[in-house]
Amino acid sequence: MNSKAVCFLLVTMVVMVTLIDNSEGWARRRRHKGPKGACHFPFEYEGKIYHSCTTVNHKYGRAWCSLTPVFEGKWKNCDVEDKRGWMETRGLFQQLRSWLEWATGAQEDYDAFEK
């Protein structure tokens, strides 16, 4: 494959990522892969009180929250719908990463705690 073809494919992917990521239906489907329920703020985890999402002990460094007042193993990754939660990232890299996860069938790891 020559460099012009590779460049064309990359530009095409970027355009597709932008179009797909801006599609509300696609974003909504992707957003609800994990556990249902609202984040509970504040919540207690390992003796500390959290008033927003945290990345503590998440295997992949993602922001998460507890679904119960005191952490009992029920949690979810934070997204833009979580009040006082993590901020949304809309950069090109994040869009490309999200599209690649979707295109390859990568699933969220809801057993992502290191413990």
N, C-alpha and C. Protein backbone atom coordinates (compact mmCIF):
# COMPACT_ATOMS: atom_id res chain seq x y z
N MET A 1 0.85 -1.17 0.00
CA MET A 1 0.00 0.00 0.00
C MET A 1 0.90 1.24 0.00
N ASN A 2 0.67 2.14 -0.92
CA ASN A 2 1.54 3.31 -1.00
C ASN A 2 1.10 4.39 -0.01
N SER A 3 1.95 5.40 0.13
CA SER A 3 1.70 6.44 1.14
C SER A 3 0.45 7.27 0.83
N LYS A 4 0.12 7.46 -0.44
CA LYS A 4 -1.09 8.22 -0.78
C LYS A 4 -2.35 7.47 -0.33
N ALA A 5 -2.34 6.16 -0.51
CA ALA A 5 -3.49 5.35 -0.10
C ALA A 5 -3.64 5.37 1.42
N VAL A 6 -2.52 5.27 2.12
CA VAL A 6 -2.55 5.31 3.59
C VAL A 6 -3.07 6.66 4.06
N CYS A 7 -2.59 7.73 3.46
CA CYS A 7 -3.04 9.08 3.82
C CYS A 7 -4.55 9.23 3.57
N PHE A 8 -5.00 8.74 2.43
CA PHE A 8 -6.43 8.80 2.10
C PHE A 8 -7.26 8.04 3.13
N LEU A 9 -6.80 6.85 3.51
CA LEU A 9 -7.53 6.06 4.50
C LEU A 9 -7.58 6.76 5.86
N LEU A 10 -6.47 7.38 6.26
CA LEU A 10 -6.45 8.08 7.54
C LEU A 10 -7.40 9.27 7.53
N VAL A 11 -7.39 10.05 6.46
CA VAL A 11 -8.31 11.19 6.36
C VAL A 11 -9.75 10.71 6.37
N THR A 12 -10.03 9.64 5.64
CA THR A 12 -11.38 9.07 5.61
C THR A 12 -11.80 8.63 7.01
N MET A 13 -10.89 7.99 7.74
CA MET A 13 -11.20 7.55 9.11
C MET A 13 -11.52 8.73 10.01
N VAL A 14 -10.74 9.81 9.91
CA VAL A 14 -10.97 10.98 10.74
C VAL A 14 -12.34 11.57 10.46
N VAL A 15 -12.70 11.67 9.19
CA VAL A 15 -14.02 12.19 8.82
C VAL A 15 -15.11 11.27 9.37
N MET A 16 -14.94 9.97 9.22
CA MET A 16 -15.93 9.02 9.72
C MET A 16 -16.06 9.11 11.23
N VAL A 17 -14.92 9.22 11.92
CA VAL A 17 -14.93 9.32 13.38
C VAL A 17 -15.72 10.55 13.81
N THR A 18 -15.48 11.66 13.15
CA THR A 18 -16.19 12.89 13.49
C THR A 18 -17.68 12.74 13.27
N LEU A 19 -18.07 12.18 12.14
CA LEU A 19 -19.49 12.01 11.84
C LEU A 19 -20.14 11.02 12.79
N ILE A 20 -19.49 9.90 13.03
CA ILE A 20 -20.06 8.88 13.91
C ILE A 20 -20.13 9.38 15.33
N ASP A 21 -19.05 10.01 15.82
CA ASP A 21 -19.02 10.46 17.20
C ASP A 21 -20.04 11.56 17.47
N ASN A 22 -20.38 12.33 16.46
CA ASN A 22 -21.36 13.39 16.65
C ASN A 22 -22.79 12.90 16.50
N SER A 23 -22.96 11.64 16.17
CA SER A 23 -24.29 11.07 16.05
C SER A 23 -24.82 10.75 17.44
N GLU A 24 -25.86 11.44 17.88
CA GLU A 24 -26.39 11.27 19.24
C GLU A 24 -26.83 9.83 19.50
N GLY A 25 -27.42 9.18 18.50
CA GLY A 25 -27.87 7.81 18.70
C GLY A 25 -26.71 6.87 18.98
N TRP A 26 -25.62 7.03 18.23
CA TRP A 26 -24.45 6.18 18.45
C TRP A 26 -23.86 6.46 19.82
N ALA A 27 -23.76 7.73 20.18
CA ALA A 27 -23.18 8.09 21.47
C ALA A 27 -24.04 7.54 22.61
N ARG A 28 -25.35 7.61 22.46
CA ARG A 28 -26.23 7.11 23.51
C ARG A 28 -26.07 5.60 23.67
N ARG A 29 -26.00 4.85 22.57
CA ARG A 29 -25.84 3.40 22.66
C ARG A 29 -24.53 3.06 23.35
N ARG A 30 -23.47 3.73 23.00
CA ARG A 30 -22.16 3.43 23.56
C ARG A 30 -22.12 3.79 25.05
N ARG A 31 -22.77 4.85 25.41
CA ARG A 31 -22.72 5.36 26.77
C ARG A 31 -23.36 4.41 27.76
N HIS A 32 -24.30 3.59 27.33
CA HIS A 32 -25.05 2.76 28.27
C HIS A 32 -24.67 1.29 28.23
N LYS A 33 -23.41 0.99 27.95
CA LYS A 33 -22.95 -0.40 27.96
C LYS A 33 -22.90 -0.97 29.37
N GLY A 34 -22.59 -0.13 30.32
CA GLY A 34 -22.30 -0.61 31.66
C GLY A 34 -23.49 -0.64 32.58
N PRO A 35 -23.20 -0.73 33.88
CA PRO A 35 -24.26 -0.82 34.88
C PRO A 35 -25.18 0.39 34.82
N LYS A 36 -26.44 0.14 35.06
CA LYS A 36 -27.44 1.22 35.07
C LYS A 36 -27.46 1.86 36.45
N GLY A 37 -27.92 3.07 36.50
CA GLY A 37 -28.04 3.76 37.77
C GLY A 37 -27.22 5.02 37.79
N ALA A 38 -27.59 5.88 38.72
CA ALA A 38 -26.90 7.17 38.84
C ALA A 38 -25.77 7.06 39.85
N CYS A 39 -24.75 7.84 39.62
CA CYS A 39 -23.67 7.94 40.60
C CYS A 39 -24.26 8.50 41.89
N HIS A 40 -23.77 8.01 43.01
CA HIS A 40 -24.22 8.52 44.30
C HIS A 40 -23.11 9.40 44.86
N PHE A 41 -23.41 10.70 45.00
CA PHE A 41 -22.45 11.64 45.58
C PHE A 41 -23.03 12.24 46.84
N PRO A 42 -22.25 12.36 47.89
CA PRO A 42 -20.91 11.81 48.01
C PRO A 42 -20.98 10.31 48.25
N PHE A 43 -19.85 9.62 48.02
CA PHE A 43 -19.76 8.20 48.34
C PHE A 43 -18.45 7.95 49.08
N GLU A 44 -18.45 6.88 49.86
CA GLU A 44 -17.27 6.52 50.63
C GLU A 44 -16.59 5.32 49.98
N TYR A 45 -15.27 5.43 49.81
CA TYR A 45 -14.48 4.33 49.24
C TYR A 45 -13.18 4.25 50.02
N GLU A 46 -12.92 3.11 50.62
CA GLU A 46 -11.72 2.87 51.41
C GLU A 46 -11.50 3.96 52.46
N GLY A 47 -12.58 4.34 53.14
CA GLY A 47 -12.50 5.30 54.23
C GLY A 47 -12.42 6.76 53.81
N LYS A 48 -12.44 7.05 52.54
CA LYS A 48 -12.37 8.43 52.06
C LYS A 48 -13.70 8.79 51.39
N ILE A 49 -14.12 10.04 51.57
CA ILE A 49 -15.37 10.54 50.98
C ILE A 49 -15.04 11.23 49.66
N TYR A 50 -15.78 10.87 48.61
CA TYR A 50 -15.61 11.47 47.28
C TYR A 50 -16.88 12.22 46.91
N HIS A 51 -16.69 13.45 46.43
CA HIS A 51 -17.82 14.30 46.01
C HIS A 51 -17.92 14.38 44.49
N SER A 52 -17.06 13.69 43.80
CA SER A 52 -17.09 13.62 42.34
C SER A 52 -16.41 12.32 41.92
N CYS A 53 -16.37 12.06 40.64
CA CYS A 53 -15.76 10.83 40.14
C CYS A 53 -14.28 10.80 40.49
N THR A 54 -13.74 9.60 40.60
CA THR A 54 -12.34 9.42 40.95
C THR A 54 -11.70 8.39 40.03
N THR A 55 -10.39 8.41 39.96
CA THR A 55 -9.66 7.40 39.18
C THR A 55 -8.93 6.42 40.10
N VAL A 56 -9.09 6.57 41.41
CA VAL A 56 -8.40 5.74 42.40
C VAL A 56 -8.68 4.26 42.16
N ASN A 57 -7.61 3.47 42.08
CA ASN A 57 -7.65 2.00 41.94
C ASN A 57 -8.32 1.48 40.67
N HIS A 58 -8.58 2.33 39.71
CA HIS A 58 -9.12 1.83 38.44
C HIS A 58 -7.95 1.35 37.60
N LYS A 59 -8.03 0.13 37.14
CA LYS A 59 -6.95 -0.51 36.40
C LYS A 59 -6.47 0.30 35.20
N TYR A 60 -7.40 0.99 34.53
CA TYR A 60 -7.06 1.74 33.33
C TYR A 60 -7.02 3.25 33.56
N GLY A 61 -7.12 3.69 34.81
CA GLY A 61 -7.04 5.11 35.12
C GLY A 61 -8.27 5.91 34.73
N ARG A 62 -9.39 5.23 34.50
CA ARG A 62 -10.62 5.92 34.10
C ARG A 62 -11.36 6.44 35.33
N ALA A 63 -12.15 7.45 35.12
CA ALA A 63 -12.96 8.01 36.20
C ALA A 63 -14.16 7.10 36.44
N TRP A 64 -14.49 6.87 37.70
CA TRP A 64 -15.61 6.02 38.05
C TRP A 64 -16.30 6.60 39.28
N CYS A 65 -17.48 6.07 39.58
CA CYS A 65 -18.22 6.48 40.77
C CYS A 65 -18.94 5.28 41.35
N SER A 66 -19.30 5.40 42.60
CA SER A 66 -20.06 4.35 43.28
C SER A 66 -21.55 4.57 43.04
N LEU A 67 -22.28 3.47 42.96
CA LEU A 67 -23.73 3.55 42.81
C LEU A 67 -24.44 3.50 44.16
N THR A 68 -23.64 3.35 45.23
CA THR A 68 -24.19 3.28 46.58
C THR A 68 -23.45 4.28 47.47
N PRO A 69 -24.05 4.69 48.60
CA PRO A 69 -23.40 5.68 49.48
C PRO A 69 -22.05 5.22 50.02
N VAL A 70 -21.96 3.94 50.36
CA VAL A 70 -20.70 3.34 50.77
C VAL A 70 -20.39 2.27 49.74
N PHE A 71 -19.21 2.31 49.13
CA PHE A 71 -18.87 1.41 48.03
C PHE A 71 -19.05 -0.04 48.45
N GLU A 72 -19.87 -0.76 47.67
CA GLU A 72 -20.15 -2.18 47.93
C GLU A 72 -19.88 -3.01 46.69
N GLY A 73 -19.06 -2.50 45.79
CA GLY A 73 -18.76 -3.23 44.56
C GLY A 73 -19.61 -2.83 43.38
N LYS A 74 -20.61 -2.00 43.59
CA LYS A 74 -21.46 -1.53 42.50
C LYS A 74 -20.96 -0.16 42.06
N TRP A 75 -20.50 -0.08 40.80
CA TRP A 75 -19.90 1.15 40.30
C TRP A 75 -20.07 1.22 38.80
N LYS A 76 -19.73 2.38 38.23
CA LYS A 76 -19.73 2.52 36.78
C LYS A 76 -18.71 3.58 36.39
N ASN A 77 -18.28 3.52 35.14
CA ASN A 77 -17.40 4.55 34.61
C ASN A 77 -18.20 5.83 34.46
N CYS A 78 -17.58 6.96 34.73
CA CYS A 78 -18.25 8.26 34.64
C CYS A 78 -18.32 8.72 33.19
N ASP A 79 -19.36 9.47 32.88
CA ASP A 79 -19.50 10.09 31.57
C ASP A 79 -20.12 11.47 31.76
N VAL A 80 -20.43 12.13 30.67
CA VAL A 80 -20.91 13.51 30.75
C VAL A 80 -22.26 13.65 31.43
N GLU A 81 -23.02 12.58 31.59
CA GLU A 81 -24.33 12.67 32.23
C GLU A 81 -24.24 12.66 33.75
N ASP A 82 -23.08 12.31 34.29
CA ASP A 82 -22.94 12.22 35.74
C ASP A 82 -22.78 13.61 36.35
N LYS A 83 -23.72 13.99 37.18
CA LYS A 83 -23.66 15.30 37.83
C LYS A 83 -22.41 15.35 38.71
N ARG A 84 -21.75 16.47 38.69
CA ARG A 84 -20.50 16.69 39.43
C ARG A 84 -19.46 15.63 39.09
N GLY A 85 -19.63 15.00 37.94
CA GLY A 85 -18.73 13.93 37.54
C GLY A 85 -17.60 14.40 36.66
N TRP A 86 -17.10 13.49 35.89
CA TRP A 86 -15.94 13.75 35.04
C TRP A 86 -16.32 14.60 33.86
N MET A 87 -15.39 15.41 33.38
CA MET A 87 -15.65 16.26 32.23
C MET A 87 -15.49 15.47 30.94
N GLU A 88 -16.27 15.82 29.95
CA GLU A 88 -16.24 15.15 28.66
C GLU A 88 -15.00 15.58 27.87
N THR A 89 -14.40 14.64 27.18
CA THR A 89 -13.28 14.93 26.30
C THR A 89 -13.77 14.81 24.87
N ARG A 90 -13.54 15.83 24.06
CA ARG A 90 -14.00 15.81 22.68
C ARG A 90 -12.84 15.98 21.70
N GLY A 91 -11.62 15.73 22.13
CA GLY A 91 -10.48 15.88 21.24
C GLY A 91 -10.47 14.82 20.15
N LEU A 92 -9.74 15.09 19.09
CA LEU A 92 -9.66 14.17 17.97
C LEU A 92 -9.11 12.82 18.40
N PHE A 93 -8.08 12.82 19.26
CA PHE A 93 -7.53 11.55 19.72
C PHE A 93 -8.59 10.72 20.42
N GLN A 94 -9.37 11.36 21.30
CA GLN A 94 -10.42 10.63 22.03
C GLN A 94 -11.48 10.11 21.08
N GLN A 95 -11.82 10.89 20.06
CA GLN A 95 -12.81 10.43 19.09
C GLN A 95 -12.28 9.22 18.34
N LEU A 96 -11.02 9.27 17.91
CA LEU A 96 -10.43 8.16 17.17
C LEU A 96 -10.36 6.92 18.05
N ARG A 97 -9.96 7.10 19.31
CA ARG A 97 -9.88 5.97 20.23
C ARG A 97 -11.25 5.34 20.45
N SER A 98 -12.27 6.18 20.64
CA SER A 98 -13.63 5.68 20.83
C SER A 98 -14.10 4.91 19.61
N TRP A 99 -13.83 5.46 18.42
CA TRP A 99 -14.25 4.79 17.20
C TRP A 99 -13.54 3.45 17.05
N LEU A 100 -12.25 3.40 17.34
CA LEU A 100 -11.51 2.15 17.22
C LEU A 100 -12.03 1.11 18.20
N GLU A 101 -12.36 1.52 19.42
CA GLU A 101 -12.94 0.59 20.39
C GLU A 101 -14.26 0.04 19.87
N TRP A 102 -15.09 0.92 19.32
CA TRP A 102 -16.38 0.49 18.78
C TRP A 102 -16.18 -0.42 17.58
N ALA A 103 -15.29 -0.04 16.66
CA ALA A 103 -15.08 -0.79 15.42
C ALA A 103 -14.49 -2.17 15.68
N THR A 104 -13.66 -2.30 16.70
CA THR A 104 -13.03 -3.58 16.99
C THR A 104 -13.84 -4.41 17.98
N GLY A 105 -14.94 -3.87 18.46
CA GLY A 105 -15.78 -4.61 19.40
C GLY A 105 -15.22 -4.64 20.80
N ALA A 106 -14.28 -3.75 21.10
CA ALA A 106 -13.70 -3.72 22.45
C ALA A 106 -14.79 -3.39 23.45
N GLN A 107 -14.83 -4.13 24.52
CA GLN A 107 -15.84 -3.93 25.55
C GLN A 107 -15.23 -3.19 26.73
N GLU A 108 -16.06 -2.44 27.41
CA GLU A 108 -15.63 -1.81 28.65
C GLU A 108 -15.31 -2.93 29.64
N ASP A 109 -14.28 -2.74 30.46
CA ASP A 109 -13.90 -3.74 31.44
C ASP A 109 -14.48 -3.32 32.78
N TYR A 110 -15.63 -3.89 33.14
CA TYR A 110 -16.27 -3.50 34.38
C TYR A 110 -15.75 -4.27 35.58
N ASP A 111 -14.69 -5.05 35.37
CA ASP A 111 -13.95 -5.65 36.48
C ASP A 111 -12.56 -5.04 36.47
N ALA A 112 -12.49 -3.74 36.29
CA ALA A 112 -11.22 -3.08 36.04
C ALA A 112 -10.45 -2.71 37.30
N PHE A 113 -10.97 -3.02 38.47
CA PHE A 113 -10.24 -2.69 39.68
C PHE A 113 -9.07 -3.64 39.85
N GLU A 114 -7.97 -3.12 40.34
CA GLU A 114 -6.76 -3.92 40.49
C GLU A 114 -6.87 -4.88 41.66
N LYS A 115 -7.73 -4.61 42.58
CA LYS A 115 -7.83 -5.45 43.78
C LYS A 115 -8.50 -6.75 43.49
